[in-house]
C-alpha atoms as a PDB file:
ATOM      1  CA  MET A   1      76.700  28.846-116.107  1.00  0.00           C
ATOM      2  CA  ALA A   2      76.439  25.216-115.081  1.00  0.00           C
ATOM      3  CA  GLU A   3      77.533  22.643-117.641  1.00  0.00           C
ATOM      4  CA  PRO A   4      75.917  19.232-118.237  1.00  0.00           C
ATOM      5  CA  ARG A   5      77.682  16.595-116.200  1.00  0.00           C
ATOM      6  CA  GLU A   6      77.740  12.820-115.988  1.00  0.00           C
ATOM      7  CA  ASP A   7      76.566  11.331-112.695  1.00  0.00           C
ATOM      8  CA  THR A   8      78.355   7.984-112.569  1.00  0.00           C
ATOM      9  CA  ARG A   9      77.322   7.275-108.983  1.00  0.00           C
ATOM     10  CA  THR A  10      73.608   6.893-109.683  1.00  0.00           C
ATOM     11  CA  HIS A  11      73.784   5.838-113.354  1.00  0.00           C
ATOM     12  CA  ARG A  12      71.453   8.652-114.369  1.00  0.00           C
ATOM     13  CA  GLY A  13      73.326   9.284-117.575  1.00  0.00           C
ATOM     14  CA  VAL A  14      74.384  12.809-118.467  1.00  0.00           C
ATOM     15  CA  VAL A  15      72.547  14.997-115.954  1.00  0.00           C
ATOM     16  CA  ILE A  16      71.530  18.342-117.427  1.00  0.00           C
ATOM     17  CA  PRO A  17      70.884  20.894-114.645  1.00  0.00           C
ATOM     18  CA  ASP A  18      67.735  22.974-114.328  1.00  0.00           C
ATOM     19  CA  ASP A  19      69.498  26.196-115.288  1.00  0.00           C
ATOM     20  CA  TRP A  20      70.971  24.862-118.543  1.00  0.00           C
ATOM     21  CA  PRO A  21      69.736  27.273-121.266  1.00  0.00           C
ATOM     22  CA  GLY A  22      70.877  25.231-124.243  1.00  0.00           C
ATOM     23  CA  TYR A  23      72.936  26.553-127.143  1.00  0.00           C
ATOM     24  CA  CYS A  24      72.187  29.499-129.387  1.00  0.00           C
ATOM     25  CA  LEU A  25      70.383  28.406-132.538  1.00  0.00           C
ATOM     26  CA  ASP A  26      72.760  30.453-134.680  1.00  0.00           C
ATOM     27  CA  LEU A  27      75.594  28.043-133.804  1.00  0.00           C
ATOM     28  CA  PHE A  28      73.883  25.142-135.596  1.00  0.00           C
ATOM     29  CA  THR A  29      72.007  24.329-138.778  1.00  0.00           C
ATOM     30  CA  TYR A  30      68.337  23.387-138.823  1.00  0.00           C
ATOM     31  CA  PRO A  31      65.489  23.600-141.373  1.00  0.00           C
ATOM     32  CA  GLU A  32      64.582  27.192-142.208  1.00  0.00           C
ATOM     33  CA  TYR A  33      60.874  26.379-142.031  1.00  0.00           C
ATOM     34  CA  TYR A  34      61.255  25.990-138.245  1.00  0.00           C
ATOM     35  CA  SER A  35      62.629  29.524-137.884  1.00  0.00           C
ATOM     36  CA  GLY A  36      60.920  31.157-134.915  1.00  0.00           C
ATOM     37  CA  ASP A  37      59.578  27.853-133.603  1.00  0.00           C
ATOM     38  CA  LEU A  38      62.576  26.992-131.408  1.00  0.00           C
ATOM     39  CA  ASP A  39      64.239  28.611-128.395  1.00  0.00           C
ATOM     40  CA  SER A  40      67.539  26.704-128.314  1.00  0.00           C
ATOM     41  CA  VAL A  41      69.480  23.610-129.274  1.00  0.00           C
ATOM     42  CA  TYR A  42      69.309  21.652-126.037  1.00  0.00           C
ATOM     43  CA  ILE A  43      71.395  18.590-126.968  1.00  0.00           C
ATOM     44  CA  PRO A  44      73.393  18.743-130.227  1.00  0.00           C
ATOM     45  CA  HIS A  45      73.277  15.777-132.578  1.00  0.00           C
ATOM     46  CA  GLY A  46      76.959  14.969-132.115  1.00  0.00           C
ATOM     47  CA  VAL A  47      76.556  14.728-128.343  1.00  0.00           C
ATOM     48  CA  ILE A  48      73.604  12.378-128.824  1.00  0.00           C
ATOM     49  CA  MET A  49      75.733  10.171-131.067  1.00  0.00           C
ATOM     50  CA  ASP A  50      78.629  10.033-128.608  1.00  0.00           C
ATOM     51  CA  ARG A  51      76.324   9.145-125.716  1.00  0.00           C
ATOM     52  CA  THR A  52      74.556   6.487-127.813  1.00  0.00           C
ATOM     53  CA  GLU A  53      77.907   4.904-128.613  1.00  0.00           C
ATOM     54  CA  ARG A  54      78.666   4.598-124.899  1.00  0.00           C
ATOM     55  CA  LEU A  55      75.222   3.122-124.190  1.00  0.00           C
ATOM     56  CA  ALA A  56      75.860   0.521-126.896  1.00  0.00           C
ATOM     57  CA  ARG A  57      79.087  -0.458-125.175  1.00  0.00           C
ATOM     58  CA  ASP A  58      77.353  -0.692-121.778  1.00  0.00           C
ATOM     59  CA  ILE A  59      74.657  -2.916-123.277  1.00  0.00           C
ATOM     60  CA  MET A  60      77.289  -5.093-124.921  1.00  0.00           C
ATOM     61  CA  ASP A  61      79.138  -5.418-121.599  1.00  0.00           C
ATOM     62  CA  ASP A  62      75.937  -6.514-119.828  1.00  0.00           C
ATOM     63  CA  LEU A  63      74.291  -8.671-122.479  1.00  0.00           C
ATOM     64  CA  GLY A  64      77.105  -9.713-124.800  1.00  0.00           C
ATOM     65  CA  ASP A  65      77.027 -13.322-126.064  1.00  0.00           C
ATOM     66  CA  HIS A  66      73.246 -13.505-125.505  1.00  0.00           C
ATOM     67  CA  ASP A  67      70.615 -13.169-128.215  1.00  0.00           C
ATOM     68  CA  ILE A  68      68.351 -10.163-127.619  1.00  0.00           C
ATOM     69  CA  ALA A  69      65.035  -9.018-129.046  1.00  0.00           C
ATOM     70  CA  VAL A  70      65.019  -5.242-129.414  1.00  0.00           C
ATOM     71  CA  LEU A  71      61.558  -3.685-129.025  1.00  0.00           C
ATOM     72  CA  CYS A  72      61.501  -0.169-130.477  1.00  0.00           C
ATOM     73  CA  VAL A  73      58.753   2.132-129.187  1.00  0.00           C
ATOM     74  CA  LEU A  74      57.413   4.133-132.126  1.00  0.00           C
ATOM     75  CA  LYS A  75      57.342   6.762-133.282  1.00  0.00           C
ATOM     76  CA  GLY A  76      59.663   8.760-131.080  1.00  0.00           C
ATOM     77  CA  ALA A  77      62.364   6.144-130.523  1.00  0.00           C
ATOM     78  CA  HIS A  78      62.914   5.057-134.112  1.00  0.00           C
ATOM     79  CA  GLN A  79      65.984   7.261-134.666  1.00  0.00           C
ATOM     80  CA  PHE A  80      67.550   6.448-131.297  1.00  0.00           C
ATOM     81  CA  CYS A  81      66.879   2.740-131.809  1.00  0.00           C
ATOM     82  CA  SER A  82      68.363   2.783-135.303  1.00  0.00           C
ATOM     83  CA  ASP A  83      71.537   4.529-134.118  1.00  0.00           C
ATOM     84  CA  LEU A  84      71.840   2.333-131.023  1.00  0.00           C
ATOM     85  CA  VAL A  85      71.472  -0.879-133.031  1.00  0.00           C
ATOM     86  CA  ASP A  86      73.964   0.421-135.588  1.00  0.00           C
ATOM     87  CA  ARG A  87      76.570   1.035-132.890  1.00  0.00           C
ATOM     88  CA  ILE A  88      75.987  -2.384-131.347  1.00  0.00           C
ATOM     89  CA  GLN A  89      76.540  -3.876-134.797  1.00  0.00           C
ATOM     90  CA  VAL A  90      79.853  -2.002-135.047  1.00  0.00           C
ATOM     91  CA  LEU A  91      80.893  -3.562-131.732  1.00  0.00           C
ATOM     92  CA  ASN A  92      79.789  -6.965-133.035  1.00  0.00           C
ATOM     93  CA  ARG A  93      82.187  -6.562-135.945  1.00  0.00           C
ATOM     94  CA  ASN A  94      85.090  -5.296-133.876  1.00  0.00           C
ATOM     95  CA  SER A  95      84.904  -7.240-130.622  1.00  0.00           C
ATOM     96  CA  SER A  96      85.532 -10.744-129.398  1.00  0.00           C
ATOM     97  CA  ARG A  97      81.993 -10.722-128.002  1.00  0.00           C
ATOM     98  CA  SER A  98      78.773 -10.709-130.010  1.00  0.00           C
ATOM     99  CA  LEU A  99      75.192  -9.662-129.430  1.00  0.00           C
ATOM    100  CA  PRO A 100      72.841 -11.189-132.050  1.00  0.00           C
ATOM    101  CA  MET A 101      69.689  -9.068-132.388  1.00  0.00           C
ATOM    102  CA  THR A 102      66.208  -9.090-133.804  1.00  0.00           C
ATOM    103  CA  VAL A 103      64.153  -5.880-133.939  1.00  0.00           C
ATOM    104  CA  ASP A 104      60.401  -5.517-133.454  1.00  0.00           C
ATOM    105  CA  PHE A 105      58.210  -2.455-133.102  1.00  0.00           C
ATOM    106  CA  ILE A 106      55.308  -1.233-131.024  1.00  0.00           C
ATOM    107  CA  ARG A 107      53.604   2.129-131.234  1.00  0.00           C
ATOM    108  CA  LEU A 108      52.454   4.161-128.236  1.00  0.00           C
ATOM    109  CA  LYS A 109      50.514   7.412-128.387  1.00  0.00           C
ATOM    110  CA  SER A 110      50.414   9.280-125.093  1.00  0.00           C
ATOM    111  CA  TYR A 111      50.715  13.004-125.943  1.00  0.00           C
ATOM    112  CA  LEU A 112      48.388  15.652-127.357  1.00  0.00           C
ATOM    113  CA  ASN A 113      50.137  18.981-127.867  1.00  0.00           C
ATOM    114  CA  ASP A 114      52.600  19.131-124.946  1.00  0.00           C
ATOM    115  CA  HIS A 115      50.488  17.260-122.376  1.00  0.00           C
ATOM    116  CA  SER A 116      50.269  13.576-121.533  1.00  0.00           C
ATOM    117  CA  MET A 117      46.923  11.933-122.234  1.00  0.00           C
ATOM    118  CA  PRO A 118      45.314   9.891-119.430  1.00  0.00           C
ATOM    119  CA  ASP A 119      44.764   6.871-121.691  1.00  0.00           C
ATOM    120  CA  MET A 120      47.748   5.510-123.604  1.00  0.00           C
ATOM    121  CA  GLN A 121      47.055   4.017-127.018  1.00  0.00           C
ATOM    122  CA  VAL A 122      49.019   0.841-127.798  1.00  0.00           C
ATOM    123  CA  ILE A 123      49.288  -0.289-131.413  1.00  0.00           C
ATOM    124  CA  GLY A 124      50.906  -3.613-132.229  1.00  0.00           C
ATOM    125  CA  ALA A 125      50.612  -5.280-128.806  1.00  0.00           C
ATOM    126  CA  GLU A 126      49.241  -8.439-130.437  1.00  0.00           C
ATOM    127  CA  SER A 127      52.669  -9.109-131.958  1.00  0.00           C
ATOM    128  CA  LEU A 128      54.464  -9.247-128.604  1.00  0.00           C
ATOM    129  CA  SER A 129      54.177 -13.034-128.466  1.00  0.00           C
ATOM    130  CA  VAL A 130      57.503 -13.161-130.345  1.00  0.00           C
ATOM    131  CA  LEU A 131      59.148 -11.991-127.095  1.00  0.00           C
ATOM    132  CA  THR A 132      58.260 -15.131-125.136  1.00  0.00           C
ATOM    133  CA  GLY A 133      61.387 -16.649-123.605  1.00  0.00           C
ATOM    134  CA  LYS A 134      63.625 -13.940-125.103  1.00  0.00           C
ATOM    135  CA  ASN A 135      66.055 -11.416-123.628  1.00  0.00           C
ATOM    136  CA  VAL A 136      64.225  -8.157-124.408  1.00  0.00           C
ATOM    137  CA  LEU A 137      65.696  -4.680-124.752  1.00  0.00           C
ATOM    138  CA  ILE A 138      62.968  -2.030-124.879  1.00  0.00           C
ATOM    139  CA  VAL A 139      64.190   1.151-126.569  1.00  0.00           C
ATOM    140  CA  GLU A 140      62.267   4.285-125.589  1.00  0.00           C
ATOM    141  CA  ALA A 141      62.920   7.890-126.574  1.00  0.00           C
ATOM    142  CA  ILE A 142      61.733   9.691-123.457  1.00  0.00           C
ATOM    143  CA  VAL A 143      60.490   8.738-119.993  1.00  0.00           C
ATOM    144  CA  ASP A 144      58.390  11.405-118.306  1.00  0.00           C
ATOM    145  CA  THR A 145      56.372  10.261-115.282  1.00  0.00           C
ATOM    146  CA  GLY A 146      57.268   6.624-115.931  1.00  0.00           C
ATOM    147  CA  LYS A 147      53.609   5.562-116.140  1.00  0.00           C
ATOM    148  CA  THR A 148      53.772   4.864-119.869  1.00  0.00           C
ATOM    149  CA  LEU A 149      56.879   2.722-119.430  1.00  0.00           C
ATOM    150  CA  GLN A 150      55.279   0.844-116.543  1.00  0.00           C
ATOM    151  CA  THR A 151      52.206   0.090-118.666  1.00  0.00           C
ATOM    152  CA  LEU A 152      54.397  -1.208-121.483  1.00  0.00           C
ATOM    153  CA  LEU A 153      56.483  -3.324-119.118  1.00  0.00           C
ATOM    154  CA  THR A 154      53.310  -4.917-117.749  1.00  0.00           C
ATOM    155  CA  GLN A 155      52.212  -5.834-121.263  1.00  0.00           C
ATOM    156  CA  VAL A 156      55.610  -7.259-122.197  1.00  0.00           C
ATOM    157  CA  GLN A 157      55.890  -9.234-118.941  1.00  0.00           C
ATOM    158  CA  ALA A 158      52.586 -10.952-119.742  1.00  0.00           C
ATOM    159  CA  PHE A 159      54.378 -12.789-122.563  1.00  0.00           C
ATOM    160  CA  LYS A 160      56.973 -14.186-120.145  1.00  0.00           C
ATOM    161  CA  PRO A 161      60.276 -13.008-121.616  1.00  0.00           C
ATOM    162  CA  LYS A 162      63.460 -14.357-120.075  1.00  0.00           C
ATOM    163  CA  LEU A 163      64.852 -10.905-119.261  1.00  0.00           C
ATOM    164  CA  ILE A 164      63.765  -7.276-119.780  1.00  0.00           C
ATOM    165  CA  LYS A 165      66.097  -4.287-119.967  1.00  0.00           C
ATOM    166  CA  VAL A 166      65.177  -0.736-120.986  1.00  0.00           C
ATOM    167  CA  ALA A 167      67.285   1.858-122.794  1.00  0.00           C
ATOM    168  CA  GLY A 168      65.911   5.398-122.633  1.00  0.00           C
ATOM    169  CA  LEU A 169      67.456   8.326-124.458  1.00  0.00           C
ATOM    170  CA  LEU A 170      65.898  10.951-122.176  1.00  0.00           C
ATOM    171  CA  VAL A 171      64.514  10.845-118.651  1.00  0.00           C
ATOM    172  CA  LYS A 172      62.649  13.907-117.410  1.00  0.00           C
ATOM    173  CA  ARG A 173      63.248  15.040-113.858  1.00  0.00           C
ATOM    174  CA  GLY A 174      60.007  15.984-112.136  1.00  0.00           C
ATOM    175  CA  PRO A 175      57.849  15.729-109.011  1.00  0.00           C
ATOM    176  CA  ASN A 176      55.469  13.193-110.601  1.00  0.00           C
ATOM    177  CA  GLN A 177      58.153  10.758-111.701  1.00  0.00           C
ATOM    178  CA  THR A 178      57.643   7.163-110.618  1.00  0.00           C
ATOM    179  CA  VAL A 179      60.360   4.649-109.739  1.00  0.00           C
ATOM    180  CA  CYS A 180      60.049   3.000-113.160  1.00  0.00           C
ATOM    181  CA  LEU A 181      63.213   4.180-114.894  1.00  0.00           C
ATOM    182  CA  PRO A 182      65.387   2.756-117.707  1.00  0.00           C
ATOM    183  CA  ASP A 183      68.400   0.560-117.046  1.00  0.00           C
ATOM    184  CA  TYR A 184      70.413   2.586-119.565  1.00  0.00           C
ATOM    185  CA  VAL A 185      69.866   6.358-119.614  1.00  0.00           C
ATOM    186  CA  GLY A 186      71.228   8.753-122.183  1.00  0.00           C
ATOM    187  CA  PHE A 187      70.393  12.077-120.573  1.00  0.00           C
ATOM    188  CA  GLU A 188      68.454  13.205-117.531  1.00  0.00           C
ATOM    189  CA  ILE A 189      66.807  16.538-118.325  1.00  0.00           C
ATOM    190  CA  PRO A 190      64.637  19.092-116.519  1.00  0.00           C
ATOM    191  CA  ASN A 191      60.897  19.099-117.108  1.00  0.00           C
ATOM    192  CA  HIS A 192      61.059  20.849-120.508  1.00  0.00           C
ATOM    193  CA  PHE A 193      59.107  19.859-123.597  1.00  0.00           C
ATOM    194  CA  VAL A 194      61.734  18.977-126.201  1.00  0.00           C
ATOM    195  CA  VAL A 195      61.524  18.041-129.869  1.00  0.00           C
ATOM    196  CA  GLY A 196      63.823  16.751-132.580  1.00  0.00           C
ATOM    197  CA  TYR A 197      65.767  13.544-133.214  1.00  0.00           C
ATOM    198  CA  ALA A 198      62.360  11.930-133.988  1.00  0.00           C
ATOM    199  CA  LEU A 199      60.617  13.485-130.966  1.00  0.00           C
ATOM    200  CA  ASP A 200      57.578  15.406-132.175  1.00  0.00           C
ATOM    201  CA  TYR A 201      54.996  18.022-131.374  1.00  0.00           C
ATOM    202  CA  ASN A 202      51.815  16.886-133.129  1.00  0.00           C
ATOM    203  CA  GLU A 203      53.973  15.093-135.751  1.00  0.00           C
ATOM    204  CA  TYR A 204      56.184  18.124-136.479  1.00  0.00           C
ATOM    205  CA  PHE A 205      59.923  18.451-135.680  1.00  0.00           C
ATOM    206  CA  ARG A 206      60.793  14.752-136.081  1.00  0.00           C
ATOM    207  CA  ASP A 207      63.155  15.810-138.880  1.00  0.00           C
ATOM    208  CA  LEU A 208      65.384  17.923-136.623  1.00  0.00           C
ATOM    209  CA  SER A 209      68.839  16.420-136.063  1.00  0.00           C
ATOM    210  CA  HIS A 210      69.293  18.078-132.668  1.00  0.00           C
ATOM    211  CA  ILE A 211      67.101  17.915-129.584  1.00  0.00           C
ATOM    212  CA  CYS A 212      65.648  21.396-129.170  1.00  0.00           C
ATOM    213  CA  VAL A 213      63.395  23.377-126.853  1.00  0.00           C
ATOM    214  CA  MET A 214      60.315  24.807-128.563  1.00  0.00           C
ATOM    215  CA  SER A 215      59.326  28.428-128.366  1.00  0.00           C
ATOM    216  CA  GLU A 216      55.874  29.410-127.132  1.00  0.00           C
ATOM    217  CA  GLY A 217      55.178  30.712-130.619  1.00  0.00           C
ATOM    218  CA  GLY A 218      56.004  27.305-132.062  1.00  0.00           C
ATOM    219  CA  LYS A 219      53.642  25.568-129.638  1.00  0.00           C
ATOM    220  CA  GLN A 220      50.798  27.852-130.656  1.00  0.00           C
ATOM    221  CA  LYS A 221      51.584  27.500-134.365  1.00  0.00           C
ATOM    222  CA  TYR A 222      51.338  23.718-134.392  1.00  0.00           C
ATOM    223  CA  ARG A 223      48.742  23.244-131.648  1.00  0.00           C
ATOM    224  CA  ILE A 224      45.742  21.040-132.456  1.00  0.00           C
END
């Protein structure tokens, strides 16, 4: 069985191969009310935390001693953003370099059930004027085709920030993926629909600590 590996040559983050089945659910704890709704634990919470810590260090290495405006993409990225900012703050306290931060939020809605919607809803775009002239770090939970990220980048660029970088926890590998990819990638995964760690399926599963693969029964149970 192939193990997840880190591809340092292409900076794709931890590359999870297509044949990775995930871990048996019985090895981990999760809410009992999701029993039967999940197939496997795909990325355990501890692994997410370790990878986030390394991303924080990479961001500090690149942007240290510059003020940055963090733009968190709600709702899916709120947990990743919170943990990433927390680890940058730890580095601020324990390093000779510093990275002063402000945090703003924007909400995107681009999924219904497990399919992308053709028209992305953007909530909070009117507040992006605070990014003018700033070094901006967009924090996104998952990048699928890259179209959503490209749309957001276009909106942010209209306010003329000084610099834009993107941190993405997950990047899906797929035939429809565009060239618009994050600068900092946590994990590159196959084209599976995953939930947990604030990623949802019709607003369910955000309260899972781990990133998990849903069962077909779970998709039907919570389908709108």
